[in-house]
Amino acid sequence: SLNLKSNIDAESLRNSVVLRGAISVFGKSPVSISCKTQNVC
């Protein structure tokens, strides 16, 4: 009943953005942003 899936997607995106910003090799980051579109009506 906690609906943890939506929290996991948000945390995954946040962590990938932080990693991409923290790790840079020759001006490029080897980390890709893990983003899943959230459809809201």
All heavy atoms as atom14 arrays in JSON, in Angstrom:
{
  "sequence": "SLNLKSNIDAESLRNSVVLRGAISVFGKSPVSISCKTQNVC",
  "atom14_mask": [
    [1, 1, 1, 1, 1, 1, 0, 0, 0, 0, 0, 0, 0, 0],
    [1, 1, 1, 1, 1, 1, 1, 1, 0, 0, 0, 0, 0, 0],
    [1, 1, 1, 1, 1, 1, 1, 1, 0, 0, 0, 0, 0, 0],
    [1, 1, 1, 1, 1, 1, 1, 1, 0, 0, 0, 0, 0, 0],
    [1, 1, 1, 1, 1, 1, 1, 1, 1, 0, 0, 0, 0, 0],
    [1, 1, 1, 1, 1, 1, 0, 0, 0, 0, 0, 0, 0, 0],
    [1, 1, 1, 1, 1, 1, 1, 1, 0, 0, 0, 0, 0, 0],
    [1, 1, 1, 1, 1, 1, 1, 1, 0, 0, 0, 0, 0, 0],
    [1, 1, 1, 1, 1, 1, 1, 1, 0, 0, 0, 0, 0, 0],
    [1, 1, 1, 1, 1, 0, 0, 0, 0, 0, 0, 0, 0, 0],
    [1, 1, 1, 1, 1, 1, 1, 1, 1, 0, 0, 0, 0, 0],
    [1, 1, 1, 1, 1, 1, 0, 0, 0, 0, 0, 0, 0, 0],
    [1, 1, 1, 1, 1, 1, 1, 1, 0, 0, 0, 0, 0, 0],
    [1, 1, 1, 1, 1, 1, 1, 1, 1, 1, 1, 0, 0, 0],
    [1, 1, 1, 1, 1, 1, 1, 1, 0, 0, 0, 0, 0, 0],
    [1, 1, 1, 1, 1, 1, 0, 0, 0, 0, 0, 0, 0, 0],
    [1, 1, 1, 1, 1, 1, 1, 0, 0, 0, 0, 0, 0, 0],
    [1, 1, 1, 1, 1, 1, 1, 0, 0, 0, 0, 0, 0, 0],
    [1, 1, 1, 1, 1, 1, 1, 1, 0, 0, 0, 0, 0, 0],
    [1, 1, 1, 1, 1, 1, 1, 1, 1, 1, 1, 0, 0, 0],
    [1, 1, 1, 1, 0, 0, 0, 0, 0, 0, 0, 0, 0, 0],
    [1, 1, 1, 1, 1, 0, 0, 0, 0, 0, 0, 0, 0, 0],
    [1, 1, 1, 1, 1, 1, 1, 1, 0, 0, 0, 0, 0, 0],
    [1, 1, 1, 1, 1, 1, 0, 0, 0, 0, 0, 0, 0, 0],
    [1, 1, 1, 1, 1, 1, 1, 0, 0, 0, 0, 0, 0, 0],
    [1, 1, 1, 1, 1, 1, 1, 1, 1, 1, 1, 0, 0, 0],
    [1, 1, 1, 1, 0, 0, 0, 0, 0, 0, 0, 0, 0, 0],
    [1, 1, 1, 1, 1, 1, 1, 1, 1, 0, 0, 0, 0, 0],
    [1, 1, 1, 1, 1, 1, 0, 0, 0, 0, 0, 0, 0, 0],
    [1, 1, 1, 1, 1, 1, 1, 0, 0, 0, 0, 0, 0, 0],
    [1, 1, 1, 1, 1, 1, 1, 0, 0, 0, 0, 0, 0, 0],
    [1, 1, 1, 1, 1, 1, 0, 0, 0, 0, 0, 0, 0, 0],
    [1, 1, 1, 1, 1, 1, 1, 1, 0, 0, 0, 0, 0, 0],
    [1, 1, 1, 1, 1, 1, 0, 0, 0, 0, 0, 0, 0, 0],
    [1, 1, 1, 1, 1, 1, 0, 0, 0, 0, 0, 0, 0, 0],
    [1, 1, 1, 1, 1, 1, 1, 1, 1, 0, 0, 0, 0, 0],
    [1, 1, 1, 1, 1, 1, 1, 0, 0, 0, 0, 0, 0, 0],
    [1, 1, 1, 1, 1, 1, 1, 1, 1, 0, 0, 0, 0, 0],
    [1, 1, 1, 1, 1, 1, 1, 1, 0, 0, 0, 0, 0, 0],
    [1, 1, 1, 1, 1, 1, 1, 0, 0, 0, 0, 0, 0, 0],
    [1, 1, 1, 1, 1, 1, 0, 0, 0, 0, 0, 0, 0, 0]
  ],
  "atom14_positions": [
    [[0.82, -1.22, 0.0], [0.0, 0.0, 0.0], [0.85, 1.27, 0.0], [0.32, 2.36, -0.2], [-0.94, 0.0, 1.2], [-0.2, 0.14, 2.4], [0.0, 0.0, 0.0], [0.0, 0.0, 0.0], [0.0, 0.0, 0.0], [0.0, 0.0, 0.0], [0.0, 0.0, 0.0], [0.0, 0.0, 0.0], [0.0, 0.0, 0.0], [0.0, 0.0, 0.0]],
    [[2.16, 1.18, 0.2], [3.02, 2.37, 0.26], [3.32, 2.97, -1.11], [3.75, 4.11, -1.19], [4.35, 2.03, 0.95], [4.29, 1.84, 2.44], [5.68, 1.48, 2.97], [3.79, 3.08, 3.14], [0.0, 0.0, 0.0], [0.0, 0.0, 0.0], [0.0, 0.0, 0.0], [0.0, 0.0, 0.0], [0.0, 0.0, 0.0], [0.0, 0.0, 0.0]],
    [[3.13, 2.23, -2.18], [3.43, 2.69, -3.54], [4.89, 3.13, -3.65], [5.2, 4.26, -3.98], [2.48, 3.82, -3.95], [2.59, 4.13, -5.42], [3.14, 3.35, -6.18], [2.07, 5.27, -5.82], [0.0, 0.0, 0.0], [0.0, 0.0, 0.0], [0.0, 0.0, 0.0], [0.0, 0.0, 0.0], [0.0, 0.0, 0.0], [0.0, 0.0, 0.0]],
    [[5.79, 2.22, -3.37], [7.22, 2.52, -3.37], [7.78, 2.69, -4.78], [8.84, 3.29, -4.94], [7.98, 1.42, -2.64], [7.68, 1.3, -1.15], [8.4, 0.1, -0.57], [8.06, 2.55, -0.41], [0.0, 0.0, 0.0], [0.0, 0.0, 0.0], [0.0, 0.0, 0.0], [0.0, 0.0, 0.0], [0.0, 0.0, 0.0], [0.0, 0.0, 0.0]],
    [[7.1, 2.22, -5.79], [7.63, 2.31, -7.16], [7.85, 3.76, -7.59], [8.88, 4.09, -8.16], [6.69, 1.61, -8.13], [7.25, 1.53, -9.53], [6.3, 0.8, -10.44], [6.8, 0.6, -11.83], [7.56, 1.62, -12.43], [0.0, 0.0, 0.0], [0.0, 0.0, 0.0], [0.0, 0.0, 0.0], [0.0, 0.0, 0.0], [0.0, 0.0, 0.0]],
    [[6.91, 4.63, -7.31], [7.08, 6.03, -7.71], [8.23, 6.68, -6.97], [8.95, 7.51, -7.53], [5.79, 6.82, -7.49], [5.48, 6.86, -6.11], [0.0, 0.0, 0.0], [0.0, 0.0, 0.0], [0.0, 0.0, 0.0], [0.0, 0.0, 0.0], [0.0, 0.0, 0.0], [0.0, 0.0, 0.0], [0.0, 0.0, 0.0], [0.0, 0.0, 0.0]],
    [[8.44, 6.33, -5.71], [9.56, 6.87, -4.96], [10.89, 6.36, -5.51], [11.87, 7.1, -5.55], [9.45, 6.53, -3.48], [8.29, 7.24, -2.81], [7.8, 8.24, -3.32], [7.85, 6.7, -1.7], [0.0, 0.0, 0.0], [0.0, 0.0, 0.0], [0.0, 0.0, 0.0], [0.0, 0.0, 0.0], [0.0, 0.0, 0.0], [0.0, 0.0, 0.0]],
    [[10.92, 5.12, -5.93], [12.15, 4.54, -6.48], [12.53, 5.24, -7.78], [13.69, 5.55, -8.02], [11.99, 3.02, -6.67], [11.94, 2.33, -5.32], [13.11, 2.45, -7.52], [11.59, 0.87, -5.37], [0.0, 0.0, 0.0], [0.0, 0.0, 0.0], [0.0, 0.0, 0.0], [0.0, 0.0, 0.0], [0.0, 0.0, 0.0], [0.0, 0.0, 0.0]],
    [[11.54, 5.52, -8.64], [11.82, 6.2, -9.91], [12.38, 7.6, -9.65], [13.33, 8.02, -10.3], [10.56, 6.29, -10.76], [10.13, 4.94, -11.3], [10.97, 4.03, -11.37], [8.94, 4.8, -11.66], [0.0, 0.0, 0.0], [0.0, 0.0, 0.0], [0.0, 0.0, 0.0], [0.0, 0.0, 0.0], [0.0, 0.0, 0.0], [0.0, 0.0, 0.0]],
    [[11.8, 8.33, -8.71], [12.28, 9.68, -8.4], [13.68, 9.65, -7.81], [14.54, 10.46, -8.19], [11.31, 10.37, -7.43], [0.0, 0.0, 0.0], [0.0, 0.0, 0.0], [0.0, 0.0, 0.0], [0.0, 0.0, 0.0], [0.0, 0.0, 0.0], [0.0, 0.0, 0.0], [0.0, 0.0, 0.0], [0.0, 0.0, 0.0], [0.0, 0.0, 0.0]],
    [[13.94, 8.73, -6.91], [15.27, 8.62, -6.3], [16.31, 8.2, -7.34], [17.44, 8.69, -7.32], [15.24, 7.61, -5.15], [14.51, 8.07, -3.92], [15.22, 9.18, -3.19], [16.46, 9.28, -3.28], [14.54, 9.96, -2.51], [0.0, 0.0, 0.0], [0.0, 0.0, 0.0], [0.0, 0.0, 0.0], [0.0, 0.0, 0.0], [0.0, 0.0, 0.0]],
    [[15.93, 7.3, -8.25], [16.85, 6.86, -9.3], [17.24, 8.03, -10.2], [18.43, 8.19, -10.53], [16.19, 5.75, -10.11], [16.98, 5.4, -11.21], [0.0, 0.0, 0.0], [0.0, 0.0, 0.0], [0.0, 0.0, 0.0], [0.0, 0.0, 0.0], [0.0, 0.0, 0.0], [0.0, 0.0, 0.0], [0.0, 0.0, 0.0], [0.0, 0.0, 0.0]],
    [[16.27, 8.85, -10.59], [16.57, 10.01, -11.42], [17.45, 10.99, -10.67], [18.45, 11.49, -11.2], [15.28, 10.69, -11.87], [15.45, 12.01, -12.63], [16.3, 11.81, -13.87], [14.11, 12.59, -12.98], [0.0, 0.0, 0.0], [0.0, 0.0, 0.0], [0.0, 0.0, 0.0], [0.0, 0.0, 0.0], [0.0, 0.0, 0.0], [0.0, 0.0, 0.0]],
    [[17.12, 11.27, -9.42], [17.9, 12.21, -8.6], [19.35, 11.73, -8.48], [20.3, 12.51, -8.64], [17.25, 12.36, -7.22], [18.05, 13.08, -6.19], [18.09, 14.55, -6.4], [18.83, 15.17, -5.3], [18.95, 16.43, -5.15], [18.39, 17.26, -5.99], [19.64, 16.93, -4.16], [0.0, 0.0, 0.0], [0.0, 0.0, 0.0], [0.0, 0.0, 0.0]],
    [[19.53, 10.44, -8.18], [20.88, 9.9, -8.02], [21.68, 9.96, -9.33], [22.87, 10.25, -9.31], [20.82, 8.47, -7.49], [20.37, 8.41, -6.06], [20.46, 9.38, -5.33], [19.86, 7.25, -5.66], [0.0, 0.0, 0.0], [0.0, 0.0, 0.0], [0.0, 0.0, 0.0], [0.0, 0.0, 0.0], [0.0, 0.0, 0.0], [0.0, 0.0, 0.0]],
    [[21.03, 9.66, -10.46], [21.76, 9.71, -11.72], [22.15, 11.14, -12.08], [23.22, 11.37, -12.64], [20.94, 9.07, -12.85], [19.77, 9.81, -13.12], [0.0, 0.0, 0.0], [0.0, 0.0, 0.0], [0.0, 0.0, 0.0], [0.0, 0.0, 0.0], [0.0, 0.0, 0.0], [0.0, 0.0, 0.0], [0.0, 0.0, 0.0], [0.0, 0.0, 0.0]],
    [[21.31, 12.13, -11.74], [21.66, 13.54, -12.0], [22.85, 13.95, -11.13], [23.79, 14.6, -11.6], [20.44, 14.45, -11.76], [20.84, 15.91, -11.71], [19.39, 14.23, -12.82], [0.0, 0.0, 0.0], [0.0, 0.0, 0.0], [0.0, 0.0, 0.0], [0.0, 0.0, 0.0], [0.0, 0.0, 0.0], [0.0, 0.0, 0.0], [0.0, 0.0, 0.0]],
    [[22.82, 13.56, -9.86], [23.92, 13.9, -8.95], [25.22, 13.25, -9.42], [26.28, 13.9, -9.45], [23.58, 13.48, -7.5], [24.8, 13.59, -6.59], [22.44, 14.33, -6.96], [0.0, 0.0, 0.0], [0.0, 0.0, 0.0], [0.0, 0.0, 0.0], [0.0, 0.0, 0.0], [0.0, 0.0, 0.0], [0.0, 0.0, 0.0], [0.0, 0.0, 0.0]],
    [[25.17, 11.98, -9.81], [26.37, 11.3, -10.3], [26.89, 11.93, -11.58], [28.1, 12.11, -11.76], [26.08, 9.82, -10.56], [26.16, 8.9, -9.36], [25.7, 7.5, -9.73], [27.57, 8.85, -8.81], [0.0, 0.0, 0.0], [0.0, 0.0, 0.0], [0.0, 0.0, 0.0], [0.0, 0.0, 0.0], [0.0, 0.0, 0.0], [0.0, 0.0, 0.0]],
    [[26.0, 12.27, -12.49], [26.43, 12.89, -13.75], [27.1, 14.23, -13.49], [28.08, 14.6, -14.14], [25.25, 13.06, -14.69], [25.66, 13.58, -16.04], [24.48, 13.58, -17.0], [24.84, 14.16, -18.24], [25.13, 13.5, -19.34], [25.1, 12.19, -19.32], [25.44, 14.11, -20.45], [0.0, 0.0, 0.0], [0.0, 0.0, 0.0], [0.0, 0.0, 0.0]],
    [[26.6, 14.99, -12.51], [27.21, 16.27, -12.18], [28.52, 16.12, -11.43], [29.39, 16.99, -11.51], [0.0, 0.0, 0.0], [0.0, 0.0, 0.0], [0.0, 0.0, 0.0], [0.0, 0.0, 0.0], [0.0, 0.0, 0.0], [0.0, 0.0, 0.0], [0.0, 0.0, 0.0], [0.0, 0.0, 0.0], [0.0, 0.0, 0.0], [0.0, 0.0, 0.0]],
    [[28.71, 15.01, -10.73], [29.91, 14.83, -9.91], [31.07, 14.21, -10.68], [32.23, 14.48, -10.37], [29.58, 13.96, -8.7], [0.0, 0.0, 0.0], [0.0, 0.0, 0.0], [0.0, 0.0, 0.0], [0.0, 0.0, 0.0], [0.0, 0.0, 0.0], [0.0, 0.0, 0.0], [0.0, 0.0, 0.0], [0.0, 0.0, 0.0], [0.0, 0.0, 0.0]],
    [[30.77, 13.38, -11.66], [31.83, 12.66, -12.37], [31.99, 13.25, -13.78], [31.05, 13.25, -14.56], [31.49, 11.15, -12.47], [31.36, 10.55, -11.07], [32.54, 10.43, -13.29], [30.86, 9.13, -11.07], [0.0, 0.0, 0.0], [0.0, 0.0, 0.0], [0.0, 0.0, 0.0], [0.0, 0.0, 0.0], [0.0, 0.0, 0.0], [0.0, 0.0, 0.0]],
    [[33.18, 13.72, -14.06], [33.46, 14.3, -15.37], [34.83, 13.86, -15.83], [35.81, 13.99, -15.11], [33.38, 15.82, -15.29], [33.71, 16.38, -16.53], [0.0, 0.0, 0.0], [0.0, 0.0, 0.0], [0.0, 0.0, 0.0], [0.0, 0.0, 0.0], [0.0, 0.0, 0.0], [0.0, 0.0, 0.0], [0.0, 0.0, 0.0], [0.0, 0.0, 0.0]],
    [[34.91, 13.33, -17.05], [36.17, 12.91, -17.64], [36.35, 13.69, -18.94], [35.57, 13.52, -19.88], [36.19, 11.39, -17.91], [37.48, 10.97, -18.56], [35.94, 10.61, -16.63], [0.0, 0.0, 0.0], [0.0, 0.0, 0.0], [0.0, 0.0, 0.0], [0.0, 0.0, 0.0], [0.0, 0.0, 0.0], [0.0, 0.0, 0.0], [0.0, 0.0, 0.0]],
    [[37.35, 14.56, -18.98], [37.63, 15.42, -20.14], [36.4, 16.23, -20.55], [36.08, 16.37, -21.72], [38.14, 14.59, -21.32], [39.39, 13.83, -21.02], [39.4, 12.44, -21.03], [40.57, 14.5, -20.72], [40.55, 11.74, -20.76], [41.73, 13.79, -20.45], [41.73, 12.42, -20.46], [0.0, 0.0, 0.0], [0.0, 0.0, 0.0], [0.0, 0.0, 0.0]],
    [[35.69, 16.74, -19.56], [34.53, 17.59, -19.82], [33.25, 16.84, -20.13], [32.21, 17.45, -20.32], [0.0, 0.0, 0.0], [0.0, 0.0, 0.0], [0.0, 0.0, 0.0], [0.0, 0.0, 0.0], [0.0, 0.0, 0.0], [0.0, 0.0, 0.0], [0.0, 0.0, 0.0], [0.0, 0.0, 0.0], [0.0, 0.0, 0.0], [0.0, 0.0, 0.0]],
    [[33.29, 15.51, -20.18], [32.09, 14.71, -20.43], [31.89, 13.74, -19.29], [32.84, 13.29, -18.66], [32.21, 13.93, -21.74], [32.13, 14.78, -22.97], [32.0, 13.9, -24.18], [31.67, 14.74, -25.4], [31.35, 13.92, -26.55], [0.0, 0.0, 0.0], [0.0, 0.0, 0.0], [0.0, 0.0, 0.0], [0.0, 0.0, 0.0], [0.0, 0.0, 0.0]],
    [[30.64, 13.42, -19.03], [30.33, 12.48, -17.97], [29.99, 11.12, -18.56], [29.19, 11.02, -19.5], [29.15, 12.98, -17.14], [28.85, 12.05, -16.13], [0.0, 0.0, 0.0], [0.0, 0.0, 0.0], [0.0, 0.0, 0.0], [0.0, 0.0, 0.0], [0.0, 0.0, 0.0], [0.0, 0.0, 0.0], [0.0, 0.0, 0.0], [0.0, 0.0, 0.0]],
    [[30.59, 10.05, -18.02], [30.26, 8.71, -18.51], [28.92, 8.19, -17.97], [28.46, 7.14, -18.38], [31.41, 7.85, -17.99], [31.88, 8.56, -16.77], [31.66, 10.03, -17.03], [0.0, 0.0, 0.0], [0.0, 0.0, 0.0], [0.0, 0.0, 0.0], [0.0, 0.0, 0.0], [0.0, 0.0, 0.0], [0.0, 0.0, 0.0], [0.0, 0.0, 0.0]],
    [[28.3, 8.95, -17.08], [27.05, 8.52, -16.45], [25.87, 9.09, -17.25], [25.83, 10.27, -17.56], [26.97, 9.02, -14.99], [25.65, 8.6, -14.34], [28.14, 8.49, -14.18], [0.0, 0.0, 0.0], [0.0, 0.0, 0.0], [0.0, 0.0, 0.0], [0.0, 0.0, 0.0], [0.0, 0.0, 0.0], [0.0, 0.0, 0.0], [0.0, 0.0, 0.0]],
    [[24.92, 8.23, -17.59], [23.73, 8.71, -18.29], [22.6, 8.95, -17.27], [22.57, 8.34, -16.21], [23.27, 7.69, -19.34], [22.89, 6.49, -18.72], [0.0, 0.0, 0.0], [0.0, 0.0, 0.0], [0.0, 0.0, 0.0], [0.0, 0.0, 0.0], [0.0, 0.0, 0.0], [0.0, 0.0, 0.0], [0.0, 0.0, 0.0], [0.0, 0.0, 0.0]],
    [[21.73, 9.86, -17.63], [20.62, 10.17, -16.74], [19.53, 9.13, -16.93], [19.06, 8.89, -18.04], [20.07, 11.59, -17.02], [21.14, 12.61, -16.64], [18.79, 11.84, -16.26], [20.74, 14.04, -16.87], [0.0, 0.0, 0.0], [0.0, 0.0, 0.0], [0.0, 0.0, 0.0], [0.0, 0.0, 0.0], [0.0, 0.0, 0.0], [0.0, 0.0, 0.0]],
    [[19.15, 8.5, -15.83], [18.11, 7.47, -15.84], [16.76, 8.12, -15.58], [16.39, 8.4, -14.45], [18.42, 6.44, -14.75], [17.35, 5.56, -14.6], [0.0, 0.0, 0.0], [0.0, 0.0, 0.0], [0.0, 0.0, 0.0], [0.0, 0.0, 0.0], [0.0, 0.0, 0.0], [0.0, 0.0, 0.0], [0.0, 0.0, 0.0], [0.0, 0.0, 0.0]],
    [[16.04, 8.39, -16.65], [14.8, 9.15, -16.54], [13.63, 8.37, -17.11], [13.7, 7.85, -18.21], [14.95, 10.47, -17.3], [13.52, 11.54, -17.15], [0.0, 0.0, 0.0], [0.0, 0.0, 0.0], [0.0, 0.0, 0.0], [0.0, 0.0, 0.0], [0.0, 0.0, 0.0], [0.0, 0.0, 0.0], [0.0, 0.0, 0.0], [0.0, 0.0, 0.0]],
    [[12.58, 8.27, -16.34], [11.34, 7.63, -16.79], [10.25, 8.69, -16.77], [10.04, 9.36, -15.77], [10.97, 6.47, -15.89], [9.74, 5.75, -16.35], [9.38, 4.61, -15.43], [8.11, 3.97, -15.94], [7.24, 3.54, -14.89], [0.0, 0.0, 0.0], [0.0, 0.0, 0.0], [0.0, 0.0, 0.0], [0.0, 0.0, 0.0], [0.0, 0.0, 0.0]],
    [[9.57, 8.84, -17.88], [8.52, 9.85, -17.99], [7.34, 9.48, -17.09], [6.93, 8.32, -17.04], [8.02, 9.96, -19.45], [9.13, 10.25, -20.27], [6.97, 11.03, -19.58], [0.0, 0.0, 0.0], [0.0, 0.0, 0.0], [0.0, 0.0, 0.0], [0.0, 0.0, 0.0], [0.0, 0.0, 0.0], [0.0, 0.0, 0.0], [0.0, 0.0, 0.0]],
    [[6.84, 10.46, -16.39], [5.68, 10.26, -15.53], [4.49, 10.95, -16.2], [4.47, 12.16, -16.36], [5.93, 10.88, -14.14], [4.76, 10.76, -13.21], [5.01, 11.48, -11.89], [5.98, 12.21, -11.75], [4.14, 11.27, -10.95], [0.0, 0.0, 0.0], [0.0, 0.0, 0.0], [0.0, 0.0, 0.0], [0.0, 0.0, 0.0], [0.0, 0.0, 0.0]],
    [[3.52, 10.15, -16.62], [2.32, 10.69, -17.24], [1.3, 11.02, -16.16], [0.91, 10.16, -15.38], [1.71, 9.69, -18.23], [2.63, 9.43, -19.39], [3.25, 10.34, -19.91], [2.72, 8.17, -19.79], [0.0, 0.0, 0.0], [0.0, 0.0, 0.0], [0.0, 0.0, 0.0], [0.0, 0.0, 0.0], [0.0, 0.0, 0.0], [0.0, 0.0, 0.0]],
    [[0.87, 12.28, -16.13], [-0.06, 12.75, -15.12], [-1.24, 13.42, -15.81], [-1.05, 14.19, -16.75], [0.61, 13.76, -14.15], [-0.39, 14.29, -13.14], [1.79, 13.12, -13.45], [0.0, 0.0, 0.0], [0.0, 0.0, 0.0], [0.0, 0.0, 0.0], [0.0, 0.0, 0.0], [0.0, 0.0, 0.0], [0.0, 0.0, 0.0], [0.0, 0.0, 0.0]],
    [[-2.43, 13.13, -15.35], [-3.62, 13.76, -15.87], [-4.34, 14.46, -14.72], [-4.75, 13.83, -13.75], [-4.54, 12.72, -16.51], [-6.08, 13.41, -17.11], [0.0, 0.0, 0.0], [0.0, 0.0, 0.0], [0.0, 0.0, 0.0], [0.0, 0.0, 0.0], [0.0, 0.0, 0.0], [0.0, 0.0, 0.0], [0.0, 0.0, 0.0], [0.0, 0.0, 0.0]]
  ]
}
